[in-house]
Amino acid sequence: MGGDRDKDGAGQRSGGGADFPWLWLAPGLLMLVGLLVWGVVVYPDLPERVPQHIGSDGVDRYGDKSVGTVFLPVFVHAGALALLAGSAYATLRITPAGELRPEQRTSSLVNRPKDRASARRTARLVLLLGFCLGLTLAVTCTVMWSTTPPKQGEELTGKLVLALLPVALGTLALVVTALRDRAGGPGRRRPTGG
C-alpha cells in the first residue's frame, strides 16, 4: 500500500494502479455531511408540504413532509458520490492503453486512459464533479428547505441557473481534460497540417 505520494495523497503503487486520491473526495464528503446537518436542523421547522420539483417557472410540485421527501437531495448526493468514487477507483485500477502489451486486445467498450497520469487526472476530476453535484443540490435545498416556501408560480430562474452552474462547470472540466489527454496531454500541441 506504500509507494511515492504526490501532494494530493495519491501516488503510484508498487503493484500497479494508483492510490485513491482521498483529498479529492473530501470536499464531496464534507458537502454531504453539511447537507445532512442542515437538513436535520431545519426539518422540525419545515411546513407540512415541501417543494419537490423546481422548474423555470418556480415550484410546480409539492410533497408531504417526511424524511424521504425532505432528505431526498442528501440521499441523491450520497448515492452519486458513491458511484463517482467507484468510477474514480476503477479508473485508477484499469491498465492504461500505454501499458498494454502488443498482444493484448482491447475492447472498444472500454475507454482506457492513455497513461497513469491521465488516469489520476480523470479520477480527481470525477471526484470534483461529486463536489459540484453537492453544490448544485445545496442551491436546490435553499428552495426546498425554506421555512417560508415560495408561492406557486414564483419566478426562480436565477436559482435554477445558479443550481445548474456547478455541475456544468465540473462536467466541462472533466470533458476538456479528457479531450486534452486524448489529443496528446497537457502542454503539448497537436501537429498542424501544412
N, C-alpha and C. Protein backbone atom coordinates (compact mmCIF):
# COMPACT_ATOMS: atom_id res chain seq x y z
N MET A 1 0.82 -1.19 0.00
CA MET A 1 0.00 0.00 0.00
C MET A 1 0.86 1.25 0.00
N GLY A 2 2.13 1.06 0.09
CA GLY A 2 3.03 2.20 0.11
C GLY A 2 3.25 2.76 -1.27
N GLY A 3 4.37 3.38 -1.46
CA GLY A 3 4.68 3.98 -2.75
C GLY A 3 4.87 5.47 -2.57
N ASP A 4 5.42 6.08 -3.60
CA ASP A 4 5.64 7.51 -3.56
C ASP A 4 4.32 8.24 -3.71
N ARG A 5 4.12 9.23 -2.88
CA ARG A 5 2.88 10.00 -2.92
C ARG A 5 3.16 11.39 -3.47
N ASP A 6 2.17 11.92 -4.22
CA ASP A 6 2.29 13.30 -4.65
C ASP A 6 1.53 14.17 -3.67
N LYS A 7 1.41 15.45 -3.96
CA LYS A 7 0.88 16.39 -2.98
C LYS A 7 -0.59 16.20 -2.62
N ASP A 8 -1.38 15.47 -3.41
CA ASP A 8 -2.79 15.28 -3.05
C ASP A 8 -3.05 13.95 -2.36
N GLY A 9 -2.01 13.22 -2.03
CA GLY A 9 -2.19 11.97 -1.32
C GLY A 9 -2.30 10.77 -2.23
N ALA A 10 -2.31 10.99 -3.54
CA ALA A 10 -2.37 9.87 -4.48
C ALA A 10 -0.98 9.64 -5.03
N GLY A 11 -0.60 8.42 -5.12
CA GLY A 11 0.72 8.10 -5.64
C GLY A 11 0.66 6.83 -6.44
N GLN A 12 1.80 6.35 -6.82
CA GLN A 12 1.89 5.13 -7.62
C GLN A 12 2.13 3.96 -6.69
N ARG A 13 1.32 2.94 -6.82
CA ARG A 13 1.52 1.73 -6.03
C ARG A 13 2.55 0.86 -6.71
N SER A 14 3.24 0.10 -5.91
CA SER A 14 4.26 -0.78 -6.49
C SER A 14 3.62 -1.91 -7.29
N GLY A 15 2.40 -2.32 -6.97
CA GLY A 15 1.74 -3.41 -7.67
C GLY A 15 0.90 -2.96 -8.85
N GLY A 16 1.03 -1.73 -9.30
CA GLY A 16 0.21 -1.22 -10.40
C GLY A 16 -1.00 -0.50 -9.85
N GLY A 17 -1.48 0.46 -10.56
CA GLY A 17 -2.62 1.25 -10.10
C GLY A 17 -2.14 2.32 -9.14
N ALA A 18 -2.88 3.38 -9.08
CA ALA A 18 -2.51 4.49 -8.20
C ALA A 18 -3.34 4.42 -6.93
N ASP A 19 -2.79 4.97 -5.86
CA ASP A 19 -3.55 5.08 -4.62
C ASP A 19 -4.74 5.99 -4.86
N PHE A 20 -5.79 5.77 -4.10
CA PHE A 20 -7.01 6.57 -4.25
C PHE A 20 -6.77 8.00 -3.75
N PRO A 21 -7.20 9.02 -4.50
CA PRO A 21 -6.97 10.43 -4.10
C PRO A 21 -8.01 10.90 -3.08
N TRP A 22 -7.84 10.49 -1.84
CA TRP A 22 -8.81 10.78 -0.78
C TRP A 22 -9.05 12.27 -0.60
N LEU A 23 -8.01 13.08 -0.76
CA LEU A 23 -8.17 14.52 -0.58
C LEU A 23 -9.14 15.12 -1.60
N TRP A 24 -9.27 14.50 -2.76
CA TRP A 24 -10.20 14.99 -3.77
C TRP A 24 -11.62 14.51 -3.49
N LEU A 25 -11.78 13.49 -2.69
CA LEU A 25 -13.10 13.02 -2.27
C LEU A 25 -13.61 13.82 -1.07
N ALA A 26 -12.70 14.36 -0.28
CA ALA A 26 -13.06 15.06 0.96
C ALA A 26 -14.07 16.19 0.76
N PRO A 27 -13.93 17.08 -0.23
CA PRO A 27 -14.94 18.15 -0.37
C PRO A 27 -16.35 17.61 -0.60
N GLY A 28 -16.49 16.56 -1.37
CA GLY A 28 -17.80 15.96 -1.60
C GLY A 28 -18.37 15.36 -0.33
N LEU A 29 -17.51 14.71 0.46
CA LEU A 29 -17.96 14.14 1.74
C LEU A 29 -18.35 15.24 2.73
N LEU A 30 -17.56 16.32 2.76
CA LEU A 30 -17.90 17.44 3.64
C LEU A 30 -19.23 18.08 3.22
N MET A 31 -19.46 18.18 1.91
CA MET A 31 -20.72 18.72 1.42
C MET A 31 -21.88 17.81 1.84
N LEU A 32 -21.67 16.50 1.76
CA LEU A 32 -22.69 15.54 2.17
C LEU A 32 -23.03 15.70 3.66
N VAL A 33 -22.01 15.80 4.49
CA VAL A 33 -22.23 15.99 5.93
C VAL A 33 -22.93 17.33 6.18
N GLY A 34 -22.49 18.38 5.46
CA GLY A 34 -23.11 19.69 5.62
C GLY A 34 -24.59 19.67 5.26
N LEU A 35 -24.93 19.01 4.14
CA LEU A 35 -26.34 18.90 3.75
C LEU A 35 -27.14 18.13 4.80
N LEU A 36 -26.55 17.07 5.31
CA LEU A 36 -27.24 16.26 6.32
C LEU A 36 -27.51 17.07 7.59
N VAL A 37 -26.50 17.78 8.08
CA VAL A 37 -26.66 18.59 9.29
C VAL A 37 -27.67 19.69 9.04
N TRP A 38 -27.58 20.37 7.91
CA TRP A 38 -28.51 21.44 7.57
C TRP A 38 -29.95 20.89 7.55
N GLY A 39 -30.15 19.75 6.92
CA GLY A 39 -31.47 19.15 6.85
C GLY A 39 -32.02 18.79 8.22
N VAL A 40 -31.17 18.23 9.07
CA VAL A 40 -31.61 17.86 10.43
C VAL A 40 -32.01 19.11 11.22
N VAL A 41 -31.26 20.19 11.04
CA VAL A 41 -31.56 21.42 11.77
C VAL A 41 -32.87 22.04 11.31
N VAL A 42 -33.14 22.09 10.01
CA VAL A 42 -34.34 22.77 9.52
C VAL A 42 -35.57 21.87 9.51
N TYR A 43 -35.41 20.57 9.59
CA TYR A 43 -36.54 19.65 9.47
C TYR A 43 -37.71 19.98 10.40
N PRO A 44 -37.47 20.22 11.68
CA PRO A 44 -38.62 20.48 12.57
C PRO A 44 -39.42 21.74 12.20
N ASP A 45 -38.78 22.72 11.57
CA ASP A 45 -39.44 23.98 11.25
C ASP A 45 -40.05 24.02 9.85
N LEU A 46 -39.89 22.97 9.07
CA LEU A 46 -40.43 22.97 7.70
C LEU A 46 -41.95 22.85 7.74
N PRO A 47 -42.61 23.44 6.72
CA PRO A 47 -44.07 23.30 6.65
C PRO A 47 -44.45 21.87 6.32
N GLU A 48 -45.73 21.55 6.45
CA GLU A 48 -46.21 20.19 6.20
C GLU A 48 -46.12 19.77 4.74
N ARG A 49 -46.05 20.73 3.83
CA ARG A 49 -45.87 20.44 2.40
C ARG A 49 -44.60 21.15 1.95
N VAL A 50 -43.68 20.39 1.35
CA VAL A 50 -42.39 20.94 0.93
C VAL A 50 -42.25 20.83 -0.59
N PRO A 51 -41.51 21.76 -1.20
CA PRO A 51 -41.32 21.70 -2.65
C PRO A 51 -40.62 20.41 -3.07
N GLN A 52 -41.07 19.84 -4.17
CA GLN A 52 -40.47 18.61 -4.70
C GLN A 52 -39.88 18.78 -6.08
N HIS A 53 -40.38 19.74 -6.86
CA HIS A 53 -39.84 19.96 -8.19
C HIS A 53 -39.78 21.45 -8.45
N ILE A 54 -38.63 21.88 -8.95
CA ILE A 54 -38.41 23.29 -9.23
C ILE A 54 -38.08 23.42 -10.71
N GLY A 55 -38.88 24.18 -11.41
CA GLY A 55 -38.65 24.43 -12.83
C GLY A 55 -38.39 25.91 -13.05
N SER A 56 -38.28 26.30 -14.30
CA SER A 56 -38.00 27.71 -14.61
C SER A 56 -39.15 28.62 -14.18
N ASP A 57 -40.35 28.07 -14.05
CA ASP A 57 -41.50 28.86 -13.61
C ASP A 57 -41.69 28.81 -12.10
N GLY A 58 -40.76 28.23 -11.39
CA GLY A 58 -40.86 28.14 -9.94
C GLY A 58 -41.21 26.73 -9.49
N VAL A 59 -41.68 26.63 -8.28
CA VAL A 59 -42.05 25.33 -7.71
C VAL A 59 -43.36 24.90 -8.35
N ASP A 60 -43.37 23.72 -8.95
CA ASP A 60 -44.59 23.26 -9.60
C ASP A 60 -45.13 21.95 -9.02
N ARG A 61 -44.47 21.47 -7.96
CA ARG A 61 -44.97 20.26 -7.30
C ARG A 61 -44.51 20.25 -5.85
N TYR A 62 -45.45 19.91 -4.98
CA TYR A 62 -45.16 19.82 -3.55
C TYR A 62 -45.41 18.40 -3.08
N GLY A 63 -44.77 18.03 -1.97
CA GLY A 63 -45.00 16.72 -1.36
C GLY A 63 -45.17 16.88 0.13
N ASP A 64 -45.75 15.87 0.73
CA ASP A 64 -45.93 15.89 2.18
C ASP A 64 -44.56 15.77 2.86
N LYS A 65 -44.40 16.47 3.95
CA LYS A 65 -43.14 16.45 4.70
C LYS A 65 -42.92 15.06 5.28
N SER A 66 -41.79 14.47 4.94
CA SER A 66 -41.36 13.19 5.50
C SER A 66 -39.84 13.13 5.36
N VAL A 67 -39.24 12.19 6.04
CA VAL A 67 -37.78 12.04 5.93
C VAL A 67 -37.39 11.78 4.48
N GLY A 68 -38.18 10.96 3.79
CA GLY A 68 -37.87 10.64 2.40
C GLY A 68 -37.94 11.84 1.47
N THR A 69 -38.97 12.67 1.63
CA THR A 69 -39.10 13.82 0.74
C THR A 69 -38.12 14.93 1.09
N VAL A 70 -37.91 15.17 2.35
CA VAL A 70 -37.03 16.26 2.76
C VAL A 70 -35.56 15.92 2.50
N PHE A 71 -35.18 14.68 2.79
CA PHE A 71 -33.77 14.32 2.66
C PHE A 71 -33.41 13.69 1.31
N LEU A 72 -34.32 13.77 0.35
CA LEU A 72 -34.03 13.23 -0.98
C LEU A 72 -32.73 13.80 -1.58
N PRO A 73 -32.48 15.11 -1.49
CA PRO A 73 -31.20 15.62 -2.02
C PRO A 73 -29.98 14.99 -1.34
N VAL A 74 -30.08 14.72 -0.06
CA VAL A 74 -28.96 14.09 0.68
C VAL A 74 -28.76 12.67 0.18
N PHE A 75 -29.87 11.93 0.00
CA PHE A 75 -29.76 10.56 -0.50
C PHE A 75 -29.20 10.52 -1.91
N VAL A 76 -29.66 11.45 -2.75
CA VAL A 76 -29.15 11.52 -4.14
C VAL A 76 -27.65 11.82 -4.13
N HIS A 77 -27.25 12.77 -3.29
CA HIS A 77 -25.81 13.12 -3.23
C HIS A 77 -24.98 11.94 -2.72
N ALA A 78 -25.47 11.25 -1.70
CA ALA A 78 -24.74 10.10 -1.16
C ALA A 78 -24.58 9.01 -2.23
N GLY A 79 -25.66 8.70 -2.93
CA GLY A 79 -25.59 7.67 -3.97
C GLY A 79 -24.69 8.07 -5.12
N ALA A 80 -24.83 9.31 -5.58
CA ALA A 80 -23.99 9.77 -6.70
C ALA A 80 -22.52 9.83 -6.30
N LEU A 81 -22.25 10.28 -5.09
CA LEU A 81 -20.87 10.36 -4.62
C LEU A 81 -20.25 8.96 -4.53
N ALA A 82 -21.03 7.97 -4.09
CA ALA A 82 -20.54 6.59 -4.04
C ALA A 82 -20.25 6.08 -5.45
N LEU A 83 -21.14 6.35 -6.39
CA LEU A 83 -20.90 5.92 -7.79
C LEU A 83 -19.69 6.61 -8.39
N LEU A 84 -19.56 7.90 -8.14
CA LEU A 84 -18.40 8.63 -8.69
C LEU A 84 -17.09 8.17 -8.04
N ALA A 85 -17.12 7.88 -6.74
CA ALA A 85 -15.92 7.36 -6.08
C ALA A 85 -15.56 5.99 -6.64
N GLY A 86 -16.57 5.15 -6.91
CA GLY A 86 -16.32 3.86 -7.54
C GLY A 86 -15.75 4.00 -8.94
N SER A 87 -16.25 4.98 -9.68
CA SER A 87 -15.72 5.25 -11.03
C SER A 87 -14.28 5.72 -10.96
N ALA A 88 -13.98 6.59 -10.00
CA ALA A 88 -12.61 7.07 -9.85
C ALA A 88 -11.68 5.91 -9.49
N TYR A 89 -12.13 5.04 -8.60
CA TYR A 89 -11.33 3.88 -8.21
C TYR A 89 -11.07 2.98 -9.42
N ALA A 90 -12.13 2.72 -10.19
CA ALA A 90 -11.99 1.86 -11.37
C ALA A 90 -11.05 2.49 -12.40
N THR A 91 -11.12 3.80 -12.55
CA THR A 91 -10.25 4.50 -13.49
C THR A 91 -8.78 4.31 -13.09
N LEU A 92 -8.52 4.32 -11.81
CA LEU A 92 -7.14 4.16 -11.33
C LEU A 92 -6.66 2.72 -11.42
N ARG A 93 -7.58 1.77 -11.39
CA ARG A 93 -7.21 0.35 -11.40
C ARG A 93 -7.03 -0.23 -12.81
N ILE A 94 -7.65 0.39 -13.81
CA ILE A 94 -7.58 -0.16 -15.17
C ILE A 94 -6.18 0.03 -15.74
N THR A 95 -5.75 -0.91 -16.52
CA THR A 95 -4.44 -0.80 -17.16
C THR A 95 -4.53 0.23 -18.28
N PRO A 96 -3.71 1.29 -18.20
CA PRO A 96 -3.75 2.31 -19.26
C PRO A 96 -3.36 1.73 -20.62
N ALA A 97 -3.84 2.36 -21.66
CA ALA A 97 -3.56 1.90 -23.03
C ALA A 97 -2.06 1.85 -23.30
N GLY A 98 -1.30 2.79 -22.75
CA GLY A 98 0.14 2.84 -22.98
C GLY A 98 0.91 1.71 -22.31
N GLU A 99 0.29 0.98 -21.39
CA GLU A 99 0.97 -0.11 -20.69
C GLU A 99 0.54 -1.49 -21.17
N LEU A 100 -0.36 -1.54 -22.14
CA LEU A 100 -0.80 -2.84 -22.67
C LEU A 100 0.29 -3.44 -23.54
N ARG A 101 0.46 -4.74 -23.44
CA ARG A 101 1.41 -5.42 -24.31
C ARG A 101 0.81 -5.50 -25.72
N PRO A 102 1.62 -5.58 -26.73
CA PRO A 102 1.10 -5.60 -28.10
C PRO A 102 0.09 -6.73 -28.36
N GLU A 103 0.26 -7.86 -27.69
CA GLU A 103 -0.65 -8.99 -27.94
C GLU A 103 -1.98 -8.85 -27.18
N GLN A 104 -2.07 -7.91 -26.26
CA GLN A 104 -3.31 -7.72 -25.52
C GLN A 104 -4.31 -6.96 -26.38
N ARG A 105 -5.50 -7.53 -26.47
CA ARG A 105 -6.55 -6.87 -27.22
C ARG A 105 -7.33 -5.96 -26.29
N THR A 106 -7.83 -4.89 -26.84
CA THR A 106 -8.67 -4.00 -26.04
C THR A 106 -10.06 -3.97 -26.63
N SER A 107 -11.02 -3.86 -25.77
CA SER A 107 -12.41 -3.77 -26.18
C SER A 107 -12.75 -2.33 -26.53
N SER A 108 -13.56 -2.15 -27.53
CA SER A 108 -14.00 -0.80 -27.87
C SER A 108 -14.97 -0.27 -26.82
N LEU A 109 -15.44 -1.11 -25.93
CA LEU A 109 -16.35 -0.69 -24.88
C LEU A 109 -15.62 -0.07 -23.69
N VAL A 110 -14.30 -0.25 -23.61
CA VAL A 110 -13.52 0.28 -22.50
C VAL A 110 -12.71 1.47 -23.01
N ASN A 111 -12.98 2.63 -22.43
CA ASN A 111 -12.25 3.84 -22.79
C ASN A 111 -11.08 3.98 -21.81
N ARG A 112 -9.97 3.38 -22.16
CA ARG A 112 -8.82 3.36 -21.27
C ARG A 112 -8.11 4.71 -21.25
N PRO A 113 -7.61 5.09 -20.07
CA PRO A 113 -6.77 6.28 -20.04
C PRO A 113 -5.47 5.99 -20.80
N LYS A 114 -4.88 7.05 -21.32
CA LYS A 114 -3.65 6.89 -22.10
C LYS A 114 -2.49 6.40 -21.23
N ASP A 115 -2.38 6.98 -20.04
CA ASP A 115 -1.30 6.61 -19.12
C ASP A 115 -1.77 6.83 -17.69
N ARG A 116 -0.91 6.54 -16.74
CA ARG A 116 -1.29 6.65 -15.32
C ARG A 116 -1.58 8.10 -14.93
N ALA A 117 -0.84 9.04 -15.47
CA ALA A 117 -1.08 10.45 -15.15
C ALA A 117 -2.47 10.87 -15.63
N SER A 118 -2.85 10.41 -16.79
CA SER A 118 -4.19 10.70 -17.32
C SER A 118 -5.26 10.07 -16.43
N ALA A 119 -5.02 8.87 -15.96
CA ALA A 119 -5.97 8.20 -15.07
C ALA A 119 -6.12 8.98 -13.76
N ARG A 120 -5.00 9.48 -13.22
CA ARG A 120 -5.07 10.27 -11.98
C ARG A 120 -5.85 11.56 -12.19
N ARG A 121 -5.59 12.25 -13.31
CA ARG A 121 -6.32 13.49 -13.60
C ARG A 121 -7.82 13.21 -13.73
N THR A 122 -8.16 12.16 -14.44
CA THR A 122 -9.57 11.82 -14.64
C THR A 122 -10.24 11.47 -13.32
N ALA A 123 -9.57 10.66 -12.50
CA ALA A 123 -10.14 10.26 -11.20
C ALA A 123 -10.36 11.48 -10.31
N ARG A 124 -9.41 12.39 -10.29
CA ARG A 124 -9.55 13.59 -9.47
C ARG A 124 -10.74 14.44 -9.93
N LEU A 125 -10.89 14.59 -11.24
CA LEU A 125 -11.99 15.40 -11.74
C LEU A 125 -13.34 14.73 -11.57
N VAL A 126 -13.37 13.42 -11.61
CA VAL A 126 -14.62 12.70 -11.32
C VAL A 126 -15.04 12.99 -9.87
N LEU A 127 -14.08 12.99 -8.95
CA LEU A 127 -14.38 13.30 -7.56
C LEU A 127 -14.76 14.76 -7.38
N LEU A 128 -14.13 15.65 -8.13
CA LEU A 128 -14.50 17.07 -8.10
C LEU A 128 -15.95 17.24 -8.60
N LEU A 129 -16.33 16.46 -9.58
CA LEU A 129 -17.70 16.50 -10.08
C LEU A 129 -18.70 16.13 -8.98
N GLY A 130 -18.31 15.21 -8.10
CA GLY A 130 -19.16 14.87 -6.96
C GLY A 130 -19.38 16.05 -6.04
N PHE A 131 -18.33 16.83 -5.82
CA PHE A 131 -18.47 18.06 -5.02
C PHE A 131 -19.36 19.06 -5.72
N CYS A 132 -19.19 19.21 -7.03
CA CYS A 132 -20.02 20.14 -7.81
C CYS A 132 -21.49 19.74 -7.73
N LEU A 133 -21.76 18.44 -7.76
CA LEU A 133 -23.14 17.98 -7.61
C LEU A 133 -23.69 18.37 -6.24
N GLY A 134 -22.86 18.28 -5.22
CA GLY A 134 -23.28 18.69 -3.88
C GLY A 134 -23.61 20.18 -3.83
N LEU A 135 -22.82 21.01 -4.52
CA LEU A 135 -23.13 22.43 -4.59
C LEU A 135 -24.47 22.67 -5.28
N THR A 136 -24.71 21.94 -6.36
CA THR A 136 -25.99 22.06 -7.07
C THR A 136 -27.14 21.70 -6.15
N LEU A 137 -27.00 20.62 -5.41
CA LEU A 137 -28.07 20.20 -4.50
C LEU A 137 -28.24 21.18 -3.34
N ALA A 138 -27.14 21.80 -2.91
CA ALA A 138 -27.25 22.80 -1.83
C ALA A 138 -28.07 24.00 -2.29
N VAL A 139 -27.87 24.45 -3.52
CA VAL A 139 -28.67 25.56 -4.04
C VAL A 139 -30.14 25.14 -4.12
N THR A 140 -30.39 23.92 -4.56
CA THR A 140 -31.75 23.41 -4.63
C THR A 140 -32.38 23.36 -3.24
N CYS A 141 -31.59 22.98 -2.24
CA CYS A 141 -32.11 22.89 -0.87
C CYS A 141 -32.49 24.25 -0.30
N THR A 142 -31.90 25.34 -0.81
CA THR A 142 -32.30 26.66 -0.33
C THR A 142 -33.78 26.91 -0.63
N VAL A 143 -34.28 26.31 -1.70
CA VAL A 143 -35.71 26.43 -2.02
C VAL A 143 -36.50 25.36 -1.28
N MET A 144 -36.02 24.11 -1.33
CA MET A 144 -36.77 23.01 -0.72
C MET A 144 -36.88 23.12 0.79
N TRP A 145 -35.84 23.62 1.42
CA TRP A 145 -35.80 23.64 2.87
C TRP A 145 -36.09 25.01 3.46
N SER A 146 -36.66 25.89 2.68
CA SER A 146 -37.02 27.20 3.20
C SER A 146 -38.21 27.06 4.13
N THR A 147 -38.15 27.71 5.29
CA THR A 147 -39.27 27.62 6.23
C THR A 147 -40.45 28.47 5.77
N THR A 148 -40.22 29.36 4.82
CA THR A 148 -41.31 30.08 4.17
C THR A 148 -41.26 29.71 2.69
N PRO A 149 -41.98 28.66 2.29
CA PRO A 149 -41.87 28.15 0.93
C PRO A 149 -42.31 29.18 -0.11
N PRO A 150 -41.72 29.09 -1.31
CA PRO A 150 -42.11 30.02 -2.36
C PRO A 150 -43.56 29.77 -2.78
N LYS A 151 -44.18 30.80 -3.27
CA LYS A 151 -45.56 30.68 -3.71
C LYS A 151 -45.61 29.99 -5.07
N GLN A 152 -46.72 29.34 -5.34
CA GLN A 152 -46.92 28.65 -6.61
C GLN A 152 -46.65 29.62 -7.76
N GLY A 153 -45.79 29.24 -8.70
CA GLY A 153 -45.50 30.07 -9.86
C GLY A 153 -44.47 31.17 -9.62
N GLU A 154 -43.89 31.26 -8.42
CA GLU A 154 -42.89 32.29 -8.14
C GLU A 154 -41.67 32.06 -9.03
N GLU A 155 -41.14 33.10 -9.60
CA GLU A 155 -40.02 33.03 -10.53
C GLU A 155 -38.73 32.63 -9.79
N LEU A 156 -38.14 31.52 -10.20
CA LEU A 156 -36.91 31.03 -9.57
C LEU A 156 -35.84 30.74 -10.62
N THR A 157 -35.92 31.38 -11.77
CA THR A 157 -34.98 31.10 -12.86
C THR A 157 -33.54 31.34 -12.43
N GLY A 158 -33.30 32.42 -11.68
CA GLY A 158 -31.94 32.72 -11.22
C GLY A 158 -31.36 31.61 -10.37
N LYS A 159 -32.16 31.09 -9.45
CA LYS A 159 -31.69 29.99 -8.60
C LYS A 159 -31.50 28.71 -9.40
N LEU A 160 -32.36 28.49 -10.39
CA LEU A 160 -32.23 27.30 -11.23
C LEU A 160 -30.92 27.34 -12.01
N VAL A 161 -30.61 28.50 -12.58
CA VAL A 161 -29.35 28.65 -13.32
C VAL A 161 -28.17 28.49 -12.37
N LEU A 162 -28.25 29.12 -11.21
CA LEU A 162 -27.19 29.00 -10.21
C LEU A 162 -27.01 27.55 -9.76
N ALA A 163 -28.12 26.82 -9.66
CA ALA A 163 -28.05 25.42 -9.24
C ALA A 163 -27.35 24.56 -10.29
N LEU A 164 -27.59 24.84 -11.55
CA LEU A 164 -27.01 24.01 -12.62
C LEU A 164 -25.55 24.37 -12.93
N LEU A 165 -25.13 25.56 -12.56
CA LEU A 165 -23.79 26.02 -12.90
C LEU A 165 -22.66 25.13 -12.36
N PRO A 166 -22.65 24.73 -11.08
CA PRO A 166 -21.53 23.90 -10.60
C PRO A 166 -21.39 22.57 -11.36
N VAL A 167 -22.50 21.90 -11.63
CA VAL A 167 -22.41 20.63 -12.36
C VAL A 167 -21.94 20.87 -13.79
N ALA A 168 -22.41 21.94 -14.40
CA ALA A 168 -21.98 22.26 -15.76
C ALA A 168 -20.47 22.53 -15.80
N LEU A 169 -19.96 23.28 -14.84
CA LEU A 169 -18.52 23.59 -14.80
C LEU A 169 -17.69 22.35 -14.49
N GLY A 170 -18.16 21.52 -13.56
CA GLY A 170 -17.45 20.28 -13.25
C GLY A 170 -17.41 19.33 -14.44
N THR A 171 -18.52 19.24 -15.15
CA THR A 171 -18.57 18.38 -16.33
C THR A 171 -17.66 18.92 -17.42
N LEU A 172 -17.68 20.24 -17.62
CA LEU A 172 -16.81 20.87 -18.62
C LEU A 172 -15.34 20.59 -18.32
N ALA A 173 -14.94 20.73 -17.06
CA ALA A 173 -13.54 20.46 -16.69
C ALA A 173 -13.16 19.02 -16.99
N LEU A 174 -14.05 18.10 -16.69
CA LEU A 174 -13.79 16.68 -16.95
C LEU A 174 -13.67 16.40 -18.45
N VAL A 175 -14.58 16.93 -19.23
CA VAL A 175 -14.57 16.70 -20.68
C VAL A 175 -13.34 17.34 -21.33
N VAL A 176 -13.04 18.58 -20.96
CA VAL A 176 -11.87 19.26 -21.55
C VAL A 176 -10.59 18.50 -21.22
N THR A 177 -10.46 18.05 -19.98
CA THR A 177 -9.26 17.30 -19.59
C THR A 177 -9.17 15.98 -20.35
N ALA A 178 -10.28 15.29 -20.49
CA ALA A 178 -10.28 14.03 -21.23
C ALA A 178 -9.90 14.26 -22.69
N LEU A 179 -10.43 15.30 -23.29
CA LEU A 179 -10.10 15.60 -24.69
C LEU A 179 -8.63 16.00 -24.84
N ARG A 180 -8.12 16.78 -23.90
CA ARG A 180 -6.69 17.16 -23.95
C ARG A 180 -5.80 15.93 -23.80
N ASP A 181 -6.17 15.04 -22.88
CA ASP A 181 -5.38 13.82 -22.70
C ASP A 181 -5.42 12.96 -23.95
N ARG A 182 -6.57 12.87 -24.56
CA ARG A 182 -6.72 12.07 -25.78
C ARG A 182 -5.91 12.67 -26.93
N ALA A 183 -5.82 14.02 -26.97
CA ALA A 183 -5.11 14.70 -28.05
C ALA A 183 -3.60 14.74 -27.85
N GLY A 184 -3.11 14.32 -26.72
CA GLY A 184 -1.66 14.31 -26.52
C GLY A 184 -1.22 14.80 -25.18
N GLY A 185 -2.13 15.23 -24.34
CA GLY A 185 -1.77 15.61 -22.98
C GLY A 185 -1.62 17.10 -22.82
N PRO A 186 -1.61 17.57 -21.57
CA PRO A 186 -1.49 18.99 -21.31
C PRO A 186 -0.12 19.51 -21.72
N GLY A 187 -0.11 20.72 -22.26
CA GLY A 187 1.14 21.35 -22.63
C GLY A 187 1.68 20.93 -23.99
N ARG A 188 1.06 19.95 -24.60
CA ARG A 188 1.51 19.51 -25.92
C ARG A 188 0.55 20.05 -26.97
N ARG A 189 1.12 20.44 -28.07
CA ARG A 189 0.28 20.95 -29.15
C ARG A 189 0.09 19.87 -30.19
N ARG A 190 -1.08 19.89 -30.78
CA ARG A 190 -1.33 18.97 -31.88
C ARG A 190 -0.57 19.46 -33.11
N PRO A 191 -0.05 18.54 -33.90
CA PRO A 191 0.62 18.99 -35.12
C PRO A 191 -0.40 19.58 -36.08
N THR A 192 0.01 20.64 -36.71
CA THR A 192 -0.86 21.29 -37.68
C THR A 192 -0.49 20.81 -39.08
N GLY A 193 -1.50 20.67 -39.89
CA GLY A 193 -1.24 20.21 -41.25
C GLY A 193 -0.84 21.36 -42.14
N GLY A 194 0.37 21.39 -42.62
CA GLY A 194 0.72 22.47 -43.55
C GLY A 194 2.07 22.89 -43.44
